[in-house]
Amino acid sequence: MFEFIFVVSCLVFVSTITWLSYKLGETKSMNAKVSSIVGFVLAFIPPLALFYIGFLAFKNESPVDDSTVSE
């Protein structure tokens, strides 16, 4: 039973870090997909993943390119 809880909590942590990386990457970086891939890889090393999320959270927003904005 303990193994099941551990595996589920690990999967929840990895998916949460990946989702947060993507959402923060949409506004804080030029490429959200790369941010989510880096977040996914770092999610397997929890302290680094938390530092990465903190880095993205406190980073200034990237400038918006008018050619990529759809109306």
PDB file of N, CA and C in Angstrom:
ATOM      1  N   MET A   1       0.821  -1.198   0.000  1.00  0.00           N
ATOM      2  CA  MET A   1       0.000   0.000   0.000  1.00  0.00           C
ATOM      3  C   MET A   1       0.860   1.254   0.000  1.00  0.00           C
ATOM      4  N   PHE A   2       1.972   1.204   0.765  1.00  0.00           N
ATOM      5  CA  PHE A   2       2.866   2.353   0.816  1.00  0.00           C
ATOM      6  C   PHE A   2       3.469   2.651  -0.556  1.00  0.00           C
ATOM      7  N   GLU A   3       3.798   1.611  -1.304  1.00  0.00           N
ATOM      8  CA  GLU A   3       4.381   1.805  -2.632  1.00  0.00           C
ATOM      9  C   GLU A   3       3.393   2.494  -3.565  1.00  0.00           C
ATOM     10  N   PHE A   4       2.139   2.112  -3.468  1.00  0.00           N
ATOM     11  CA  PHE A   4       1.110   2.722  -4.309  1.00  0.00           C
ATOM     12  C   PHE A   4       0.976   4.217  -4.015  1.00  0.00           C
ATOM     13  N   ILE A   5       0.945   4.574  -2.752  1.00  0.00           N
ATOM     14  CA  ILE A   5       0.832   5.983  -2.358  1.00  0.00           C
ATOM     15  C   ILE A   5       2.060   6.755  -2.824  1.00  0.00           C
ATOM     16  N   PHE A   6       3.238   6.169  -2.699  1.00  0.00           N
ATOM     17  CA  PHE A   6       4.467   6.816  -3.136  1.00  0.00           C
ATOM     18  C   PHE A   6       4.473   7.059  -4.643  1.00  0.00           C
ATOM     19  N   VAL A   7       4.078   6.066  -5.422  1.00  0.00           N
ATOM     20  CA  VAL A   7       4.050   6.201  -6.881  1.00  0.00           C
ATOM     21  C   VAL A   7       3.025   7.249  -7.313  1.00  0.00           C
ATOM     22  N   VAL A   8       1.866   7.233  -6.716  1.00  0.00           N
ATOM     23  CA  VAL A   8       0.831   8.216  -7.065  1.00  0.00           C
ATOM     24  C   VAL A   8       1.281   9.624  -6.700  1.00  0.00           C
ATOM     25  N   SER A   9       1.901   9.807  -5.546  1.00  0.00           N
ATOM     26  CA  SER A   9       2.363  11.138  -5.170  1.00  0.00           C
ATOM     27  C   SER A   9       3.487  11.616  -6.083  1.00  0.00           C
ATOM     28  N   CYS A  10       4.343  10.707  -6.522  1.00  0.00           N
ATOM     29  CA  CYS A  10       5.390  11.077  -7.483  1.00  0.00           C
ATOM     30  C   CYS A  10       4.793  11.493  -8.819  1.00  0.00           C
ATOM     31  N   LEU A  11       3.794  10.770  -9.290  1.00  0.00           N
ATOM     32  CA  LEU A  11       3.141  11.127 -10.550  1.00  0.00           C
ATOM     33  C   LEU A  11       2.419  12.467 -10.453  1.00  0.00           C
ATOM     34  N   VAL A  12       1.789  12.725  -9.319  1.00  0.00           N
ATOM     35  CA  VAL A  12       1.124  14.009  -9.113  1.00  0.00           C
ATOM     36  C   VAL A  12       2.154  15.138  -9.088  1.00  0.00           C
ATOM     37  N   PHE A  13       3.283  14.919  -8.422  1.00  0.00           N
ATOM     38  CA  PHE A  13       4.326  15.944  -8.363  1.00  0.00           C
ATOM     39  C   PHE A  13       4.887  16.246  -9.746  1.00  0.00           C
ATOM     40  N   VAL A  14       5.201  15.213 -10.514  1.00  0.00           N
ATOM     41  CA  VAL A  14       5.766  15.411 -11.854  1.00  0.00           C
ATOM     42  C   VAL A  14       4.768  16.128 -12.751  1.00  0.00           C
ATOM     43  N   SER A  15       3.515  15.728 -12.718  1.00  0.00           N
ATOM     44  CA  SER A  15       2.526  16.376 -13.577  1.00  0.00           C
ATOM     45  C   SER A  15       2.266  17.818 -13.141  1.00  0.00           C
ATOM     46  N   THR A  16       2.294  18.086 -11.842  1.00  0.00           N
ATOM     47  CA  THR A  16       2.087  19.450 -11.351  1.00  0.00           C
ATOM     48  C   THR A  16       3.242  20.358 -11.758  1.00  0.00           C
ATOM     49  N   ILE A  17       4.470  19.906 -11.615  1.00  0.00           N
ATOM     50  CA  ILE A  17       5.632  20.709 -12.001  1.00  0.00           C
ATOM     51  C   ILE A  17       5.624  20.961 -13.503  1.00  0.00           C
ATOM     52  N   THR A  18       5.272  19.960 -14.288  1.00  0.00           N
ATOM     53  CA  THR A  18       5.218  20.134 -15.744  1.00  0.00           C
ATOM     54  C   THR A  18       4.132  21.127 -16.124  1.00  0.00           C
ATOM     55  N   TRP A  19       2.967  21.029 -15.517  1.00  0.00           N
ATOM     56  CA  TRP A  19       1.875  21.950 -15.820  1.00  0.00           C
ATOM     57  C   TRP A  19       2.228  23.379 -15.403  1.00  0.00           C
ATOM     58  N   LEU A  20       2.801  23.544 -14.207  1.00  0.00           N
ATOM     59  CA  LEU A  20       3.203  24.873 -13.749  1.00  0.00           C
ATOM     60  C   LEU A  20       4.280  25.462 -14.653  1.00  0.00           C
ATOM     61  N   SER A  21       5.207  24.641 -15.096  1.00  0.00           N
ATOM     62  CA  SER A  21       6.254  25.119 -16.002  1.00  0.00           C
ATOM     63  C   SER A  21       5.653  25.603 -17.306  1.00  0.00           C
ATOM     64  N   TYR A  22       4.681  24.889 -17.824  1.00  0.00           N
ATOM     65  CA  TYR A  22       4.047  25.302 -19.074  1.00  0.00           C
ATOM     66  C   TYR A  22       3.274  26.606 -18.885  1.00  0.00           C
ATOM     67  N   LYS A  23       2.478  26.684 -17.823  1.00  0.00           N
ATOM     68  CA  LYS A  23       1.667  27.890 -17.586  1.00  0.00           C
ATOM     69  C   LYS A  23       2.544  29.112 -17.339  1.00  0.00           C
ATOM     70  N   LEU A  24       3.595  28.968 -16.547  1.00  0.00           N
ATOM     71  CA  LEU A  24       4.498  30.085 -16.317  1.00  0.00           C
ATOM     72  C   LEU A  24       5.309  30.399 -17.569  1.00  0.00           C
ATOM     73  N   GLY A  25       5.633  29.377 -18.336  1.00  0.00           N
ATOM     74  CA  GLY A  25       6.391  29.581 -19.569  1.00  0.00           C
ATOM     75  C   GLY A  25       5.616  30.327 -20.636  1.00  0.00           C
ATOM     76  N   GLU A  26       4.292  30.249 -20.587  1.00  0.00           N
ATOM     77  CA  GLU A  26       3.482  30.986 -21.557  1.00  0.00           C
ATOM     78  C   GLU A  26       3.689  32.489 -21.448  1.00  0.00           C
ATOM     79  N   THR A  27       3.834  32.996 -20.245  1.00  0.00           N
ATOM     80  CA  THR A  27       3.966  34.440 -20.058  1.00  0.00           C
ATOM     81  C   THR A  27       5.386  34.876 -19.741  1.00  0.00           C
ATOM     82  N   LYS A  28       6.177  34.000 -19.173  1.00  0.00           N
ATOM     83  CA  LYS A  28       7.496  34.403 -18.695  1.00  0.00           C
ATOM     84  C   LYS A  28       8.636  34.076 -19.651  1.00  0.00           C
ATOM     85  N   SER A  29       8.387  33.286 -20.679  1.00  0.00           N
ATOM     86  CA  SER A  29       9.451  32.936 -21.616  1.00  0.00           C
ATOM     87  C   SER A  29       8.921  33.009 -23.041  1.00  0.00           C
ATOM     88  N   MET A  30       9.818  32.869 -23.977  1.00  0.00           N
ATOM     89  CA  MET A  30       9.437  32.953 -25.385  1.00  0.00           C
ATOM     90  C   MET A  30       8.869  31.630 -25.905  1.00  0.00           C
ATOM     91  N   ASN A  31       9.159  30.523 -25.230  1.00  0.00           N
ATOM     92  CA  ASN A  31       8.716  29.221 -25.709  1.00  0.00           C
ATOM     93  C   ASN A  31       8.224  28.377 -24.527  1.00  0.00           C
ATOM     94  N   ALA A  32       6.921  28.192 -24.456  1.00  0.00           N
ATOM     95  CA  ALA A  32       6.326  27.460 -23.334  1.00  0.00           C
ATOM     96  C   ALA A  32       6.640  25.965 -23.403  1.00  0.00           C
ATOM     97  N   LYS A  33       6.780  25.424 -24.608  1.00  0.00           N
ATOM     98  CA  LYS A  33       7.060  23.989 -24.722  1.00  0.00           C
ATOM     99  C   LYS A  33       8.423  23.637 -24.145  1.00  0.00           C
ATOM    100  N   VAL A  34       9.413  24.472 -24.416  1.00  0.00           N
ATOM    101  CA  VAL A  34      10.750  24.220 -23.873  1.00  0.00           C
ATOM    102  C   VAL A  34      10.722  24.335 -22.353  1.00  0.00           C
ATOM    103  N   SER A  35       9.978  25.307 -21.839  1.00  0.00           N
ATOM    104  CA  SER A  35       9.856  25.463 -20.386  1.00  0.00           C
ATOM    105  C   SER A  35       9.230  24.232 -19.753  1.00  0.00           C
ATOM    106  N   SER A  36       8.216  23.674 -20.401  1.00  0.00           N
ATOM    107  CA  SER A  36       7.567  22.489 -19.837  1.00  0.00           C
ATOM    108  C   SER A  36       8.470  21.257 -19.920  1.00  0.00           C
ATOM    109  N   ILE A  37       9.271  21.150 -20.979  1.00  0.00           N
ATOM    110  CA  ILE A  37      10.198  20.012 -21.093  1.00  0.00           C
ATOM    111  C   ILE A  37      11.266  20.095 -20.007  1.00  0.00           C
ATOM    112  N   VAL A  38      11.818  21.304 -19.792  1.00  0.00           N
ATOM    113  CA  VAL A  38      12.809  21.478 -18.728  1.00  0.00           C
ATOM    114  C   VAL A  38      12.177  21.182 -17.372  1.00  0.00           C
ATOM    115  N   GLY A  39      10.949  21.640 -17.153  1.00  0.00           N
ATOM    116  CA  GLY A  39      10.250  21.358 -15.905  1.00  0.00           C
ATOM    117  C   GLY A  39      10.008  19.872 -15.704  1.00  0.00           C
ATOM    118  N   PHE A  40       9.671  19.165 -16.771  1.00  0.00           N
ATOM    119  CA  PHE A  40       9.451  17.721 -16.680  1.00  0.00           C
ATOM    120  C   PHE A  40      10.730  16.998 -16.284  1.00  0.00           C
ATOM    121  N   VAL A  41      11.835  17.368 -16.912  1.00  0.00           N
ATOM    122  CA  VAL A  41      13.108  16.711 -16.596  1.00  0.00           C
ATOM    123  C   VAL A  41      13.528  17.017 -15.156  1.00  0.00           C
ATOM    124  N   LEU A  42      13.389  18.279 -14.753  1.00  0.00           N
ATOM    125  CA  LEU A  42      13.796  18.654 -13.406  1.00  0.00           C
ATOM    126  C   LEU A  42      12.845  18.126 -12.332  1.00  0.00           C
ATOM    127  N   ALA A  43      11.647  17.700 -12.714  1.00  0.00           N
ATOM    128  CA  ALA A  43      10.694  17.171 -11.739  1.00  0.00           C
ATOM    129  C   ALA A  43      11.192  15.881 -11.098  1.00  0.00           C
ATOM    130  N   PHE A  44      12.134  15.214 -11.731  1.00  0.00           N
ATOM    131  CA  PHE A  44      12.685  13.995 -11.155  1.00  0.00           C
ATOM    132  C   PHE A  44      13.769  14.287 -10.121  1.00  0.00           C
ATOM    133  N   ILE A  45      14.140  15.575  -9.984  1.00  0.00           N
ATOM    134  CA  ILE A  45      15.054  16.033  -8.937  1.00  0.00           C
ATOM    135  C   ILE A  45      14.308  17.158  -8.211  1.00  0.00           C
ATOM    136  N   PRO A  46      13.489  16.821  -7.211  1.00  0.00           N
ATOM    137  CA  PRO A  46      12.558  17.793  -6.618  1.00  0.00           C
ATOM    138  C   PRO A  46      13.140  19.133  -6.172  1.00  0.00           C
ATOM    139  N   PRO A  47      14.311  19.196  -5.523  1.00  0.00           N
ATOM    140  CA  PRO A  47      14.796  20.534  -5.147  1.00  0.00           C
ATOM    141  C   PRO A  47      15.061  21.429  -6.355  1.00  0.00           C
ATOM    142  N   LEU A  48      15.620  20.855  -7.411  1.00  0.00           N
ATOM    143  CA  LEU A  48      15.876  21.640  -8.619  1.00  0.00           C
ATOM    144  C   LEU A  48      14.572  22.056  -9.285  1.00  0.00           C
ATOM    145  N   ALA A  49      13.578  21.205  -9.245  1.00  0.00           N
ATOM    146  CA  ALA A  49      12.280  21.545  -9.832  1.00  0.00           C
ATOM    147  C   ALA A  49      11.646  22.722  -9.103  1.00  0.00           C
ATOM    148  N   LEU A  50      11.742  22.725  -7.789  1.00  0.00           N
ATOM    149  CA  LEU A  50      11.173  23.833  -7.019  1.00  0.00           C
ATOM    150  C   LEU A  50      11.934  25.128  -7.257  1.00  0.00           C
ATOM    151  N   PHE A  51      13.260  25.056  -7.387  1.00  0.00           N
ATOM    152  CA  PHE A  51      14.038  26.251  -7.728  1.00  0.00           C
ATOM    153  C   PHE A  51      13.661  26.765  -9.119  1.00  0.00           C
ATOM    154  N   TYR A  52      13.439  25.858 -10.052  1.00  0.00           N
ATOM    155  CA  TYR A  52      13.063  26.246 -11.409  1.00  0.00           C
ATOM    156  C   TYR A  52      11.696  26.937 -11.430  1.00  0.00           C
ATOM    157  N   ILE A  53      10.737  26.407 -10.699  1.00  0.00           N
ATOM    158  CA  ILE A  53       9.419  27.041 -10.612  1.00  0.00           C
ATOM    159  C   ILE A  53       9.533  28.417  -9.964  1.00  0.00           C
ATOM    160  N   GLY A  54      10.362  28.527  -8.936  1.00  0.00           N
ATOM    161  CA  GLY A  54      10.595  29.827  -8.324  1.00  0.00           C
ATOM    162  C   GLY A  54      11.251  30.800  -9.272  1.00  0.00           C
ATOM    163  N   PHE A  55      12.198  30.312 -10.059  1.00  0.00           N
ATOM    164  CA  PHE A  55      12.856  31.160 -11.046  1.00  0.00           C
ATOM    165  C   PHE A  55      11.851  31.686 -12.065  1.00  0.00           C
ATOM    166  N   LEU A  56      11.003  30.804 -12.569  1.00  0.00           N
ATOM    167  CA  LEU A  56       9.991  31.241 -13.541  1.00  0.00           C
ATOM    168  C   LEU A  56       8.976  32.188 -12.916  1.00  0.00           C
ATOM    169  N   ALA A  57       8.628  31.956 -11.672  1.00  0.00           N
ATOM    170  CA  ALA A  57       7.619  32.791 -11.022  1.00  0.00           C
ATOM    171  C   ALA A  57       8.114  34.220 -10.823  1.00  0.00           C
ATOM    172  N   PHE A  58       9.403  34.379 -10.495  1.00  0.00           N
ATOM    173  CA  PHE A  58       9.932  35.711 -10.228  1.00  0.00           C
ATOM    174  C   PHE A  58      10.555  36.379 -11.442  1.00  0.00           C
ATOM    175  N   LYS A  59      10.601  35.684 -12.570  1.00  0.00           N
ATOM    176  CA  LYS A  59      11.165  36.240 -13.796  1.00  0.00           C
ATOM    177  C   LYS A  59      10.206  37.288 -14.363  1.00  0.00           C
ATOM    178  N   ASN A  60      10.765  38.335 -14.970  1.00  0.00           N
ATOM    179  CA  ASN A  60       9.934  39.344 -15.624  1.00  0.00           C
ATOM    180  C   ASN A  60       9.233  38.740 -16.831  1.00  0.00           C
ATOM    181  N   GLU A  61       8.071  39.288 -17.150  1.00  0.00           N
ATOM    182  CA  GLU A  61       7.330  38.778 -18.300  1.00  0.00           C
ATOM    183  C   GLU A  61       8.061  39.110 -19.586  1.00  0.00           C
ATOM    184  N   SER A  62       7.980  38.204 -20.545  1.00  0.00           N
ATOM    185  CA  SER A  62       8.641  38.433 -21.816  1.00  0.00           C
ATOM    186  C   SER A  62       7.785  39.368 -22.672  1.00  0.00           C
ATOM    187  N   PRO A  63       8.434  40.122 -23.547  1.00  0.00           N
ATOM    188  CA  PRO A  63       7.663  41.009 -24.414  1.00  0.00           C
ATOM    189  C   PRO A  63       6.805  40.207 -25.372  1.00  0.00           C
ATOM    190  N   VAL A  64       5.633  40.747 -25.692  1.00  0.00           N
ATOM    191  CA  VAL A  64       4.696  40.051 -26.590  1.00  0.00           C
ATOM    192  C   VAL A  64       5.003  40.467 -28.023  1.00  0.00           C
ATOM    193  N   ASP A  65       5.143  39.484 -28.883  1.00  0.00           N
ATOM    194  CA  ASP A  65       5.350  39.742 -30.299  1.00  0.00           C
ATOM    195  C   ASP A  65       3.984  39.834 -30.958  1.00  0.00           C
ATOM    196  N   ASP A  66       3.696  40.959 -31.627  1.00  0.00           N
ATOM    197  CA  ASP A  66       2.376  41.165 -32.222  1.00  0.00           C
ATOM    198  C   ASP A  66       2.057  40.182 -33.338  1.00  0.00           C
ATOM    199  N   SER A  67       3.080  39.598 -33.964  1.00  0.00           N
ATOM    200  CA  SER A  67       2.807  38.680 -35.057  1.00  0.00           C
ATOM    201  C   SER A  67       2.292  37.343 -34.559  1.00  0.00           C
ATOM    202  N   THR A  68       2.534  37.001 -33.283  1.00  0.00           N
ATOM    203  CA  THR A  68       2.081  35.712 -32.765  1.00  0.00           C
ATOM    204  C   THR A  68       0.721  35.795 -32.079  1.00  0.00           C
ATOM    205  N   VAL A  69       0.213  36.993 -31.878  1.00  0.00           N
ATOM    206  CA  VAL A  69      -1.075  37.173 -31.217  1.00  0.00           C
ATOM    207  C   VAL A  69      -2.187  37.020 -32.247  1.00  0.00           C
ATOM    208  N   SER A  70      -3.087  36.089 -31.997  1.00  0.00           N
ATOM    209  CA  SER A  70      -4.202  35.886 -32.921  1.00  0.00           C
ATOM    210  C   SER A  70      -5.433  36.642 -32.427  1.00  0.00           C
ATOM    211  N   GLU A  71      -6.166  37.145 -33.356  1.00  0.00           N
ATOM    212  CA  GLU A  71      -7.363  37.911 -32.981  1.00  0.00           C
ATOM    213  C   GLU A  71      -8.616  37.131 -33.279  1.00  0.00           C
TER     214      GLU A  71
END
